[in-house]
Amino acid sequence: MDLRYPVGPFHYEGEPGEEQRRRWIGEIDAAPERLRTAVEGLSAEQLDTPYRPGGWTLRQVVHHVPDSHLNAYVRFKLALTEEQPTIKPYFEERWAKLGDTRTTPIEASLALLEALHRRWAILLRSLAPADFARTFLHPELGVMTLDRTLARSPSTPGTAATTRPTSLRCASAWAGAGASLTSPGGQTQSRLFSTVEGENKRASGVTCCRDNGKASPGA
């Protein structure tokens, strides 16, 4: 298995029904606790261990998740309040090199993710079915509906953000490697976390630069 891409490919199966939307929103609700469980008890030295040769450290992975999800949350709000706004991609690998990502204690990002997902889930549950047909324009991917964006939001790389520390625990024989991380639907290591970054990334599991399918060198 390529350690950069621990989660399978994303496949959009068309407009979901209300029950499917509820399941996805439930996964967004549960995601912060799953990430917290995945890194629970890790030492500073362990958090500063790259999950693969040349890759991000676990600390960078944890801090990347709220960075990514803040962008996703803002895109939802822009699409809900403007007529097909053009969103701005960002350079994930450059953000991961900033001081707050490289050295900050992970509790800051775990708490941020909890607050963000609480707001995000409240927003999503307040929407009418027709609201999910609203759109934003991605500079590289074109027009994106909120339904399609929601379908991708509980998938990679957020599950990858959970899989990377648990896989490294197992490979390094760190304590807690056997912990089971289960979603509200009973699926282990499935479809939680993520960004709404590039479609090419979704198709391959790649963490991308500026959403355009170019692999970030560090992720």
C-alpha atoms as a PDB file:
ATOM      1  CA  MET A   1       0.000   0.000   0.000  1.00  0.00           C
ATOM      2  CA  ASP A   2       1.230   3.502  -0.822  1.00  0.00           C
ATOM      3  CA  LEU A   3       1.398   5.168   2.608  1.00  0.00           C
ATOM      4  CA  ARG A   4       0.413   8.532   1.125  1.00  0.00           C
ATOM      5  CA  TYR A   5      -2.980   7.160   0.067  1.00  0.00           C
ATOM      6  CA  PRO A   6      -4.299   4.872   2.823  1.00  0.00           C
ATOM      7  CA  VAL A   7      -7.967   5.284   1.855  1.00  0.00           C
ATOM      8  CA  GLY A   8      -9.721   4.013  -1.237  1.00  0.00           C
ATOM      9  CA  PRO A   9     -10.945   6.207  -4.080  1.00  0.00           C
ATOM     10  CA  PHE A  10     -13.974   8.478  -3.895  1.00  0.00           C
ATOM     11  CA  HIS A  11     -16.873   7.700  -6.221  1.00  0.00           C
ATOM     12  CA  TYR A  12     -19.779  10.125  -6.490  1.00  0.00           C
ATOM     13  CA  GLU A  13     -22.958   8.132  -7.102  1.00  0.00           C
ATOM     14  CA  GLY A  14     -25.213  11.063  -7.930  1.00  0.00           C
ATOM     15  CA  GLU A  15     -27.608  13.150  -5.866  1.00  0.00           C
ATOM     16  CA  PRO A  16     -28.118  11.517  -2.441  1.00  0.00           C
ATOM     17  CA  GLY A  17     -31.385  11.131  -0.582  1.00  0.00           C
ATOM     18  CA  GLU A  18     -32.127  12.746   2.757  1.00  0.00           C
ATOM     19  CA  GLU A  19     -31.148   9.624   4.709  1.00  0.00           C
ATOM     20  CA  GLN A  20     -27.727   9.548   3.070  1.00  0.00           C
ATOM     21  CA  ARG A  21     -27.222  13.239   3.854  1.00  0.00           C
ATOM     22  CA  ARG A  22     -28.109  12.563   7.499  1.00  0.00           C
ATOM     23  CA  ARG A  23     -25.502   9.796   7.655  1.00  0.00           C
ATOM     24  CA  TRP A  24     -22.801  12.049   6.184  1.00  0.00           C
ATOM     25  CA  ILE A  25     -23.653  14.848   8.601  1.00  0.00           C
ATOM     26  CA  GLY A  26     -23.497  12.353  11.466  1.00  0.00           C
ATOM     27  CA  GLU A  27     -20.006  11.384  10.357  1.00  0.00           C
ATOM     28  CA  ILE A  28     -18.951  15.038  10.314  1.00  0.00           C
ATOM     29  CA  ASP A  29     -20.340  15.292  13.853  1.00  0.00           C
ATOM     30  CA  ALA A  30     -18.307  12.283  15.017  1.00  0.00           C
ATOM     31  CA  ALA A  31     -15.062  13.081  13.213  1.00  0.00           C
ATOM     32  CA  PRO A  32     -13.331  15.197  15.915  1.00  0.00           C
ATOM     33  CA  GLU A  33     -13.685  12.483  18.556  1.00  0.00           C
ATOM     34  CA  ARG A  34     -12.265   9.894  16.168  1.00  0.00           C
ATOM     35  CA  LEU A  35      -9.209  12.009  15.445  1.00  0.00           C
ATOM     36  CA  ARG A  36      -8.713  12.656  19.147  1.00  0.00           C
ATOM     37  CA  THR A  37      -8.876   8.907  19.810  1.00  0.00           C
ATOM     38  CA  ALA A  38      -6.384   8.199  17.030  1.00  0.00           C
ATOM     39  CA  VAL A  39      -3.687  10.394  18.609  1.00  0.00           C
ATOM     40  CA  GLU A  40      -4.539   9.899  22.267  1.00  0.00           C
ATOM     41  CA  GLY A  41      -1.516   9.286  24.454  1.00  0.00           C
ATOM     42  CA  LEU A  42       1.127   9.986  21.819  1.00  0.00           C
ATOM     43  CA  SER A  43       4.255  11.713  23.102  1.00  0.00           C
ATOM     44  CA  ALA A  44       5.740  14.854  21.566  1.00  0.00           C
ATOM     45  CA  GLU A  45       8.448  12.708  19.998  1.00  0.00           C
ATOM     46  CA  GLN A  46       5.868  10.386  18.469  1.00  0.00           C
ATOM     47  CA  LEU A  47       3.794  13.309  17.155  1.00  0.00           C
ATOM     48  CA  ASP A  48       6.901  14.689  15.466  1.00  0.00           C
ATOM     49  CA  THR A  49       7.475  11.389  13.644  1.00  0.00           C
ATOM     50  CA  PRO A  50       6.735  11.422   9.887  1.00  0.00           C
ATOM     51  CA  TYR A  51       4.058   8.870   9.066  1.00  0.00           C
ATOM     52  CA  ARG A  52       6.091   7.907   5.969  1.00  0.00           C
ATOM     53  CA  PRO A  53       9.610   8.707   4.707  1.00  0.00           C
ATOM     54  CA  GLY A  54       9.635  12.318   3.514  1.00  0.00           C
ATOM     55  CA  GLY A  55       6.044  12.843   4.640  1.00  0.00           C
ATOM     56  CA  TRP A  56       4.342  15.120   7.129  1.00  0.00           C
ATOM     57  CA  THR A  57       4.673  14.454  10.839  1.00  0.00           C
ATOM     58  CA  LEU A  58       1.612  13.315  12.741  1.00  0.00           C
ATOM     59  CA  ARG A  59       1.520  16.778  14.322  1.00  0.00           C
ATOM     60  CA  GLN A  60       1.300  18.360  10.854  1.00  0.00           C
ATOM     61  CA  VAL A  61      -1.433  15.908   9.851  1.00  0.00           C
ATOM     62  CA  VAL A  62      -3.524  16.798  12.918  1.00  0.00           C
ATOM     63  CA  HIS A  63      -3.137  20.536  12.342  1.00  0.00           C
ATOM     64  CA  HIS A  64      -3.946  20.104   8.646  1.00  0.00           C
ATOM     65  CA  VAL A  65      -7.439  18.741   9.375  1.00  0.00           C
ATOM     66  CA  PRO A  66      -8.993  21.935  10.834  1.00  0.00           C
ATOM     67  CA  ASP A  67      -7.102  24.033   8.258  1.00  0.00           C
ATOM     68  CA  SER A  68      -8.758  21.983   5.545  1.00  0.00           C
ATOM     69  CA  HIS A  69     -12.189  21.851   7.154  1.00  0.00           C
ATOM     70  CA  LEU A  70     -12.255  25.583   7.812  1.00  0.00           C
ATOM     71  CA  ASN A  71     -11.880  26.046   4.061  1.00  0.00           C
ATOM     72  CA  ALA A  72     -14.689  23.545   3.459  1.00  0.00           C
ATOM     73  CA  TYR A  73     -16.987  25.255   5.971  1.00  0.00           C
ATOM     74  CA  VAL A  74     -16.407  28.674   4.427  1.00  0.00           C
ATOM     75  CA  ARG A  75     -17.161  27.299   0.958  1.00  0.00           C
ATOM     76  CA  PHE A  76     -20.520  26.034   2.179  1.00  0.00           C
ATOM     77  CA  LYS A  77     -21.385  29.422   3.668  1.00  0.00           C
ATOM     78  CA  LEU A  78     -20.292  31.291   0.555  1.00  0.00           C
ATOM     79  CA  ALA A  79     -22.421  29.065  -1.663  1.00  0.00           C
ATOM     80  CA  LEU A  80     -25.411  29.534   0.638  1.00  0.00           C
ATOM     81  CA  THR A  81     -25.207  33.326   0.696  1.00  0.00           C
ATOM     82  CA  GLU A  82     -23.934  34.234  -2.786  1.00  0.00           C
ATOM     83  CA  GLU A  83     -24.819  33.248  -6.333  1.00  0.00           C
ATOM     84  CA  GLN A  84     -22.215  30.709  -7.446  1.00  0.00           C
ATOM     85  CA  PRO A  85     -19.213  32.388  -5.823  1.00  0.00           C
ATOM     86  CA  THR A  86     -15.707  31.586  -7.014  1.00  0.00           C
ATOM     87  CA  ILE A  87     -13.791  29.986  -4.143  1.00  0.00           C
ATOM     88  CA  LYS A  88     -10.079  30.312  -3.518  1.00  0.00           C
ATOM     89  CA  PRO A  89      -7.893  27.196  -3.360  1.00  0.00           C
ATOM     90  CA  TYR A  90      -4.866  27.125  -1.079  1.00  0.00           C
ATOM     91  CA  PHE A  91      -1.407  25.532  -0.978  1.00  0.00           C
ATOM     92  CA  GLU A  92      -1.758  22.747   1.590  1.00  0.00           C
ATOM     93  CA  GLU A  93       1.944  21.884   1.671  1.00  0.00           C
ATOM     94  CA  ARG A  94       2.898  25.537   2.319  1.00  0.00           C
ATOM     95  CA  TRP A  95       0.378  25.846   5.142  1.00  0.00           C
ATOM     96  CA  ALA A  96       1.856  22.669   6.676  1.00  0.00           C
ATOM     97  CA  LYS A  97       5.271  24.353   6.916  1.00  0.00           C
ATOM     98  CA  LEU A  98       4.074  27.387   8.897  1.00  0.00           C
ATOM     99  CA  GLY A  99       5.029  27.686  12.541  1.00  0.00           C
ATOM    100  CA  ASP A 100       1.573  27.069  13.958  1.00  0.00           C
ATOM    101  CA  THR A 101       1.397  23.762  12.064  1.00  0.00           C
ATOM    102  CA  ARG A 102       4.900  22.518  12.799  1.00  0.00           C
ATOM    103  CA  THR A 103       5.165  23.197  16.537  1.00  0.00           C
ATOM    104  CA  THR A 104       1.793  23.954  18.177  1.00  0.00           C
ATOM    105  CA  PRO A 105       0.452  21.419  20.715  1.00  0.00           C
ATOM    106  CA  ILE A 106      -2.225  19.336  18.979  1.00  0.00           C
ATOM    107  CA  GLU A 107      -4.866  20.152  21.595  1.00  0.00           C
ATOM    108  CA  ALA A 108      -5.277  23.561  19.943  1.00  0.00           C
ATOM    109  CA  SER A 109      -6.343  21.910  16.677  1.00  0.00           C
ATOM    110  CA  LEU A 110      -8.379  19.143  18.317  1.00  0.00           C
ATOM    111  CA  ALA A 111     -10.403  21.772  20.195  1.00  0.00           C
ATOM    112  CA  LEU A 112     -10.698  23.908  17.060  1.00  0.00           C
ATOM    113  CA  LEU A 113     -11.966  20.907  15.087  1.00  0.00           C
ATOM    114  CA  GLU A 114     -14.575  20.120  17.748  1.00  0.00           C
ATOM    115  CA  ALA A 115     -15.957  23.671  17.705  1.00  0.00           C
ATOM    116  CA  LEU A 116     -15.832  23.888  13.921  1.00  0.00           C
ATOM    117  CA  HIS A 117     -17.640  20.592  13.363  1.00  0.00           C
ATOM    118  CA  ARG A 118     -20.291  21.522  15.908  1.00  0.00           C
ATOM    119  CA  ARG A 119     -21.049  24.672  13.905  1.00  0.00           C
ATOM    120  CA  TRP A 120     -20.767  22.852  10.568  1.00  0.00           C
ATOM    121  CA  ALA A 121     -23.202  20.092  11.596  1.00  0.00           C
ATOM    122  CA  ILE A 122     -25.701  22.646  12.941  1.00  0.00           C
ATOM    123  CA  LEU A 123     -25.524  24.528   9.648  1.00  0.00           C
ATOM    124  CA  LEU A 124     -25.990  21.392   7.547  1.00  0.00           C
ATOM    125  CA  ARG A 125     -28.956  20.176   9.598  1.00  0.00           C
ATOM    126  CA  SER A 126     -30.644  23.545   9.171  1.00  0.00           C
ATOM    127  CA  LEU A 127     -30.684  23.299   5.366  1.00  0.00           C
ATOM    128  CA  ALA A 128     -33.613  22.383   3.171  1.00  0.00           C
ATOM    129  CA  PRO A 129     -33.023  19.703   0.493  1.00  0.00           C
ATOM    130  CA  ALA A 130     -33.038  22.387  -2.215  1.00  0.00           C
ATOM    131  CA  ASP A 131     -30.141  24.177  -0.516  1.00  0.00           C
ATOM    132  CA  PHE A 132     -27.809  21.314  -1.381  1.00  0.00           C
ATOM    133  CA  ALA A 133     -28.274  22.124  -5.074  1.00  0.00           C
ATOM    134  CA  ARG A 134     -26.578  25.487  -4.584  1.00  0.00           C
ATOM    135  CA  THR A 135     -23.167  25.814  -6.192  1.00  0.00           C
ATOM    136  CA  PHE A 136     -19.751  27.408  -6.049  1.00  0.00           C
ATOM    137  CA  LEU A 137     -17.168  27.686  -8.801  1.00  0.00           C
ATOM    138  CA  HIS A 138     -13.838  25.987  -8.243  1.00  0.00           C
ATOM    139  CA  PRO A 139     -11.091  27.549 -10.414  1.00  0.00           C
ATOM    140  CA  GLU A 140      -9.806  24.147 -11.565  1.00  0.00           C
ATOM    141  CA  LEU A 141     -12.742  21.791 -11.016  1.00  0.00           C
ATOM    142  CA  GLY A 142     -15.596  23.920 -12.295  1.00  0.00           C
ATOM    143  CA  VAL A 143     -19.080  24.167 -10.807  1.00  0.00           C
ATOM    144  CA  MET A 144     -19.595  22.143  -7.614  1.00  0.00           C
ATOM    145  CA  THR A 145     -22.941  21.531  -5.908  1.00  0.00           C
ATOM    146  CA  LEU A 146     -23.142  21.390  -2.134  1.00  0.00           C
ATOM    147  CA  ASP A 147     -24.511  17.846  -2.442  1.00  0.00           C
ATOM    148  CA  ARG A 148     -21.366  16.745  -4.238  1.00  0.00           C
ATOM    149  CA  THR A 149     -19.236  18.694  -1.773  1.00  0.00           C
ATOM    150  CA  LEU A 150     -20.993  17.058   1.182  1.00  0.00           C
ATOM    151  CA  ALA A 151     -20.513  13.634  -0.388  1.00  0.00           C
ATOM    152  CA  ARG A 152     -16.769  14.270  -0.417  1.00  0.00           C
ATOM    153  CA  SER A 153     -16.576  15.978   2.954  1.00  0.00           C
ATOM    154  CA  PRO A 154     -16.761  12.783   5.066  1.00  0.00           C
ATOM    155  CA  SER A 155     -14.228  10.951   2.873  1.00  0.00           C
ATOM    156  CA  THR A 156     -10.464  11.256   2.364  1.00  0.00           C
ATOM    157  CA  PRO A 157      -8.082  12.647   3.495  1.00  0.00           C
ATOM    158  CA  GLY A 158      -9.762  12.954   6.895  1.00  0.00           C
ATOM    159  CA  THR A 159      -9.970   9.217   7.235  1.00  0.00           C
ATOM    160  CA  ALA A 160      -6.346   9.276   6.137  1.00  0.00           C
ATOM    161  CA  ALA A 161      -5.725  11.706   8.989  1.00  0.00           C
ATOM    162  CA  THR A 162      -7.015   9.002  11.332  1.00  0.00           C
ATOM    163  CA  THR A 163      -5.458   6.068   9.490  1.00  0.00           C
ATOM    164  CA  ARG A 164      -1.967   7.587   9.429  1.00  0.00           C
ATOM    165  CA  PRO A 165      -1.482   7.760  13.220  1.00  0.00           C
ATOM    166  CA  THR A 166      -3.136   4.390  13.839  1.00  0.00           C
ATOM    167  CA  SER A 167      -1.048   2.744  11.108  1.00  0.00           C
ATOM    168  CA  LEU A 168       2.124   4.286  12.526  1.00  0.00           C
ATOM    169  CA  ARG A 169       1.131   3.069  15.997  1.00  0.00           C
ATOM    170  CA  CYS A 170       0.920  -0.457  14.625  1.00  0.00           C
ATOM    171  CA  ALA A 171       4.122  -0.246  12.588  1.00  0.00           C
ATOM    172  CA  SER A 172       6.048   1.210  15.529  1.00  0.00           C
ATOM    173  CA  ALA A 173       4.357  -0.974  18.174  1.00  0.00           C
ATOM    174  CA  TRP A 174       3.246   2.134  20.066  1.00  0.00           C
ATOM    175  CA  ALA A 175       0.633   1.772  22.782  1.00  0.00           C
ATOM    176  CA  GLY A 176      -2.968   2.054  21.662  1.00  0.00           C
ATOM    177  CA  ALA A 177      -2.439   0.499  18.238  1.00  0.00           C
ATOM    178  CA  GLY A 178      -5.355  -1.850  18.666  1.00  0.00           C
ATOM    179  CA  ALA A 179      -7.955   0.842  19.337  1.00  0.00           C
ATOM    180  CA  SER A 180     -11.086   0.464  17.225  1.00  0.00           C
ATOM    181  CA  LEU A 181     -12.354   3.654  15.610  1.00  0.00           C
ATOM    182  CA  THR A 182     -15.942   3.263  14.496  1.00  0.00           C
ATOM    183  CA  SER A 183     -18.270   5.716  12.793  1.00  0.00           C
ATOM    184  CA  PRO A 184     -21.927   6.288  13.755  1.00  0.00           C
ATOM    185  CA  GLY A 185     -22.916   3.872  10.966  1.00  0.00           C
ATOM    186  CA  GLY A 186     -20.668   1.147  12.362  1.00  0.00           C
ATOM    187  CA  GLN A 187     -17.990   1.430   9.687  1.00  0.00           C
ATOM    188  CA  THR A 188     -14.441   1.306  10.984  1.00  0.00           C
ATOM    189  CA  GLN A 189     -11.928   3.730   9.425  1.00  0.00           C
ATOM    190  CA  SER A 190     -14.470   4.794   6.841  1.00  0.00           C
ATOM    191  CA  ARG A 191     -15.387   8.119   5.266  1.00  0.00           C
ATOM    192  CA  LEU A 192     -14.666  10.465   8.161  1.00  0.00           C
ATOM    193  CA  PHE A 193     -12.958  13.850   8.036  1.00  0.00           C
ATOM    194  CA  SER A 194     -11.739  15.455   4.883  1.00  0.00           C
ATOM    195  CA  THR A 195     -11.507  18.507   2.764  1.00  0.00           C
ATOM    196  CA  VAL A 196     -13.407  19.493  -0.304  1.00  0.00           C
ATOM    197  CA  GLU A 197     -10.131  19.765  -2.183  1.00  0.00           C
ATOM    198  CA  GLY A 198      -9.571  18.656  -5.754  1.00  0.00           C
ATOM    199  CA  GLU A 199     -11.543  16.020  -7.597  1.00  0.00           C
ATOM    200  CA  ASN A 200      -8.305  14.452  -8.797  1.00  0.00           C
ATOM    201  CA  LYS A 201      -7.285  14.038  -5.175  1.00  0.00           C
ATOM    202  CA  ARG A 202     -10.620  12.429  -4.424  1.00  0.00           C
ATOM    203  CA  ALA A 203     -10.179   9.998  -7.294  1.00  0.00           C
ATOM    204  CA  SER A 204      -6.739   8.919  -6.183  1.00  0.00           C
ATOM    205  CA  GLY A 205      -6.514   9.699  -2.475  1.00  0.00           C
ATOM    206  CA  VAL A 206      -3.715  12.207  -3.189  1.00  0.00           C
ATOM    207  CA  THR A 207      -3.199  15.224  -0.974  1.00  0.00           C
ATOM    208  CA  CYS A 208      -2.985  18.001  -3.531  1.00  0.00           C
ATOM    209  CA  CYS A 209      -1.465  21.392  -4.080  1.00  0.00           C
ATOM    210  CA  ARG A 210      -4.076  24.087  -4.669  1.00  0.00           C
ATOM    211  CA  ASP A 211      -6.823  21.501  -5.311  1.00  0.00           C
ATOM    212  CA  ASN A 212      -5.558  20.835  -8.817  1.00  0.00           C
ATOM    213  CA  GLY A 213      -4.360  17.261  -8.619  1.00  0.00           C
ATOM    214  CA  LYS A 214      -0.657  18.003  -8.082  1.00  0.00           C
ATOM    215  CA  ALA A 215       0.558  15.926  -5.185  1.00  0.00           C
ATOM    216  CA  SER A 216       1.843  17.851  -2.188  1.00  0.00           C
ATOM    217  CA  PRO A 217       5.419  16.729  -1.595  1.00  0.00           C
ATOM    218  CA  GLY A 218       5.070  16.446   2.137  1.00  0.00           C
ATOM    219  CA  ALA A 219       1.604  15.003   2.686  1.00  0.00           C
END
